[in-house]
Amino acid sequence: MRSHSEADRAAILAAARSALCEAVQQTSAVQGASRGGVFDERGGVFVTLHTRGRLRGCIGIVEASEPVGELLAYCAAGAALRDPRFESVREEELGDTRIEVSLLSPLTPIAADQVVPGLHGLLIEREGRRGLLLPQVAVEHGLNREQFLDETCIKAGLHRNSWGDPGTKLFGFTCEVFAEAG
């Protein structure tokens, strides 16, 4: 996965901030950023929100047919308003809310013993259920390989060690992760 320039990263974060504010303030319909360059690339995107250092929302698209600019706006608004784990972000929280963007590489099949916590994100599929954890989750929670695999299974609503069962599909990916300062 290619690494983006600081200018591209700043533009992505600015577009995500704009979409976040528009969604929360309901000032206008959230518009995708289709300005060419990085915004026209195709790939998975996750937007994670932290307020005062605590997770406040995270929404993403793993496999995308739309350009990054459109996904970015959708995910920023979704992280603020549609993450079922949290109440919607309120306008008075915007100043304390920091945006983190993860740009995903394509998914590739991976064996459990090839998973490197902190490098790989995981998508686990079994019996119509899917669970995904971004690479930074393993680092933030100090998870080793087996714990990371277990937690991804739990996220999918499976038994913790289902990753070793026949019929369970494991996919790995990497991310370029960057965030607003603060």
Foldseek 3Di string as FASTA:
>chain_A
DDDDDPVVVVVLQVLLLVLLLCLQVVPDHQDFDDDDDQQQDFAKKKKWKDFPRHTQFIDIDGGGPGGNRRRSSVRSSCRQPPRVVHHHDHPVRSVRMKIKMKTKDHKDFDQLVVDAQLFKWKWKDAPRFIFTDASVVCVVVVHGSLQNQQVRCVRRVHHSNCSPPPRMTMIIIGIDMDIDDD
